[in-house]
Amino acid sequence: MRKIRKFTFEELVMENKRQLLNDEKAMEKIEQKLEERILEKAE
């Protein structure tokens, strides 16, 4: 059995961010949600 390495919260966030930046569909989805929120607040 190998030892499971504990990640700090910062490391997890950075890893997640890196994966998202490599995932075009996820990025498009996030951008769309952000645009919708901005437009809702503008009204």
N, C-alpha and C. Protein backbone atom coordinates (compact mmCIF):
# COMPACT_ATOMS: atom_id res chain seq x y z
N MET A 1 0.83 -1.20 0.00
CA MET A 1 0.00 0.00 0.00
C MET A 1 0.86 1.25 0.00
N ARG A 2 0.57 2.15 -0.91
CA ARG A 2 1.35 3.38 -0.91
C ARG A 2 0.68 4.46 -0.07
N LYS A 3 1.47 5.35 0.41
CA LYS A 3 0.96 6.42 1.27
C LYS A 3 0.26 7.47 0.40
N ILE A 4 -0.94 7.85 0.81
CA ILE A 4 -1.70 8.87 0.08
C ILE A 4 -1.20 10.23 0.54
N ARG A 5 -0.78 11.04 -0.42
CA ARG A 5 -0.26 12.37 -0.10
C ARG A 5 -1.42 13.33 0.14
N LYS A 6 -1.33 14.06 1.21
CA LYS A 6 -2.36 15.05 1.52
C LYS A 6 -2.03 16.35 0.78
N PHE A 7 -3.02 16.86 0.08
CA PHE A 7 -2.84 18.13 -0.63
C PHE A 7 -3.32 19.27 0.26
N THR A 8 -2.66 20.40 0.16
CA THR A 8 -3.18 21.57 0.85
C THR A 8 -4.31 22.11 -0.01
N PHE A 9 -5.14 22.95 0.58
CA PHE A 9 -6.26 23.53 -0.17
C PHE A 9 -5.75 24.30 -1.38
N GLU A 10 -4.67 25.05 -1.18
CA GLU A 10 -4.10 25.84 -2.30
C GLU A 10 -3.67 24.95 -3.46
N GLU A 11 -3.05 23.82 -3.14
CA GLU A 11 -2.61 22.90 -4.19
C GLU A 11 -3.80 22.34 -4.95
N LEU A 12 -4.87 22.02 -4.23
CA LEU A 12 -6.07 21.49 -4.89
C LEU A 12 -6.68 22.54 -5.82
N VAL A 13 -6.74 23.79 -5.35
CA VAL A 13 -7.30 24.86 -6.16
C VAL A 13 -6.46 25.06 -7.43
N MET A 14 -5.15 25.08 -7.27
CA MET A 14 -4.26 25.27 -8.43
C MET A 14 -4.41 24.13 -9.44
N GLU A 15 -4.50 22.90 -8.95
CA GLU A 15 -4.66 21.74 -9.83
C GLU A 15 -5.99 21.82 -10.57
N ASN A 16 -7.04 22.17 -9.85
CA ASN A 16 -8.37 22.30 -10.44
C ASN A 16 -8.37 23.38 -11.51
N LYS A 17 -7.73 24.50 -11.21
CA LYS A 17 -7.65 25.62 -12.14
C LYS A 17 -6.90 25.20 -13.41
N ARG A 18 -5.80 24.48 -13.22
CA ARG A 18 -5.01 24.03 -14.37
C ARG A 18 -5.83 23.10 -15.27
N GLN A 19 -6.59 22.20 -14.65
CA GLN A 19 -7.42 21.28 -15.43
C GLN A 19 -8.52 22.04 -16.18
N LEU A 20 -9.13 23.02 -15.51
CA LEU A 20 -10.18 23.81 -16.15
C LEU A 20 -9.63 24.58 -17.34
N LEU A 21 -8.45 25.17 -17.18
CA LEU A 21 -7.87 25.95 -18.27
C LEU A 21 -7.58 25.09 -19.48
N ASN A 22 -7.37 23.78 -19.25
CA ASN A 22 -7.11 22.87 -20.36
C ASN A 22 -8.41 22.32 -20.97
N ASP A 23 -9.54 22.58 -20.31
CA ASP A 23 -10.83 22.04 -20.75
C ASP A 23 -11.66 23.14 -21.40
N GLU A 24 -11.65 23.16 -22.73
CA GLU A 24 -12.33 24.24 -23.49
C GLU A 24 -13.83 24.30 -23.20
N LYS A 25 -14.50 23.14 -23.15
CA LYS A 25 -15.95 23.13 -22.95
C LYS A 25 -16.30 23.68 -21.58
N ALA A 26 -15.53 23.32 -20.57
CA ALA A 26 -15.79 23.81 -19.21
C ALA A 26 -15.58 25.32 -19.16
N MET A 27 -14.56 25.81 -19.83
CA MET A 27 -14.28 27.25 -19.85
C MET A 27 -15.43 28.01 -20.51
N GLU A 28 -15.94 27.48 -21.61
CA GLU A 28 -17.06 28.13 -22.30
C GLU A 28 -18.28 28.20 -21.41
N LYS A 29 -18.53 27.12 -20.67
CA LYS A 29 -19.67 27.06 -19.76
C LYS A 29 -19.54 28.11 -18.66
N ILE A 30 -18.35 28.23 -18.10
CA ILE A 30 -18.08 29.21 -17.04
C ILE A 30 -18.25 30.62 -17.57
N GLU A 31 -17.70 30.88 -18.75
CA GLU A 31 -17.82 32.21 -19.35
C GLU A 31 -19.28 32.57 -19.58
N GLN A 32 -20.06 31.60 -20.04
CA GLN A 32 -21.48 31.85 -20.30
C GLN A 32 -22.20 32.21 -19.00
N LYS A 33 -21.92 31.46 -17.92
CA LYS A 33 -22.56 31.73 -16.64
C LYS A 33 -22.18 33.11 -16.12
N LEU A 34 -20.91 33.48 -16.27
CA LEU A 34 -20.46 34.79 -15.82
C LEU A 34 -21.16 35.90 -16.59
N GLU A 35 -21.27 35.73 -17.91
CA GLU A 35 -21.94 36.73 -18.74
C GLU A 35 -23.40 36.89 -18.32
N GLU A 36 -24.07 35.76 -18.05
CA GLU A 36 -25.47 35.81 -17.63
C GLU A 36 -25.60 36.57 -16.32
N ARG A 37 -24.72 36.31 -15.37
CA ARG A 37 -24.76 37.00 -14.08
C ARG A 37 -24.54 38.50 -14.24
N ILE A 38 -23.58 38.85 -15.07
CA ILE A 38 -23.27 40.27 -15.29
C ILE A 38 -24.47 40.97 -15.93
N LEU A 39 -25.09 40.31 -16.90
CA LEU A 39 -26.25 40.90 -17.57
C LEU A 39 -27.43 41.05 -16.60
N GLU A 40 -27.62 40.06 -15.71
CA GLU A 40 -28.71 40.14 -14.73
C GLU A 40 -28.49 41.32 -13.79
N LYS A 41 -27.27 41.52 -13.35
CA LYS A 41 -26.96 42.62 -12.43
C LYS A 41 -27.09 43.97 -13.11
N ALA A 42 -26.83 44.02 -14.41
CA ALA A 42 -26.89 45.28 -15.16
C ALA A 42 -28.33 45.76 -15.33
N GLU A 43 -29.27 44.83 -15.28
CA GLU A 43 -30.68 45.21 -15.50
C GLU A 43 -31.27 45.91 -14.30
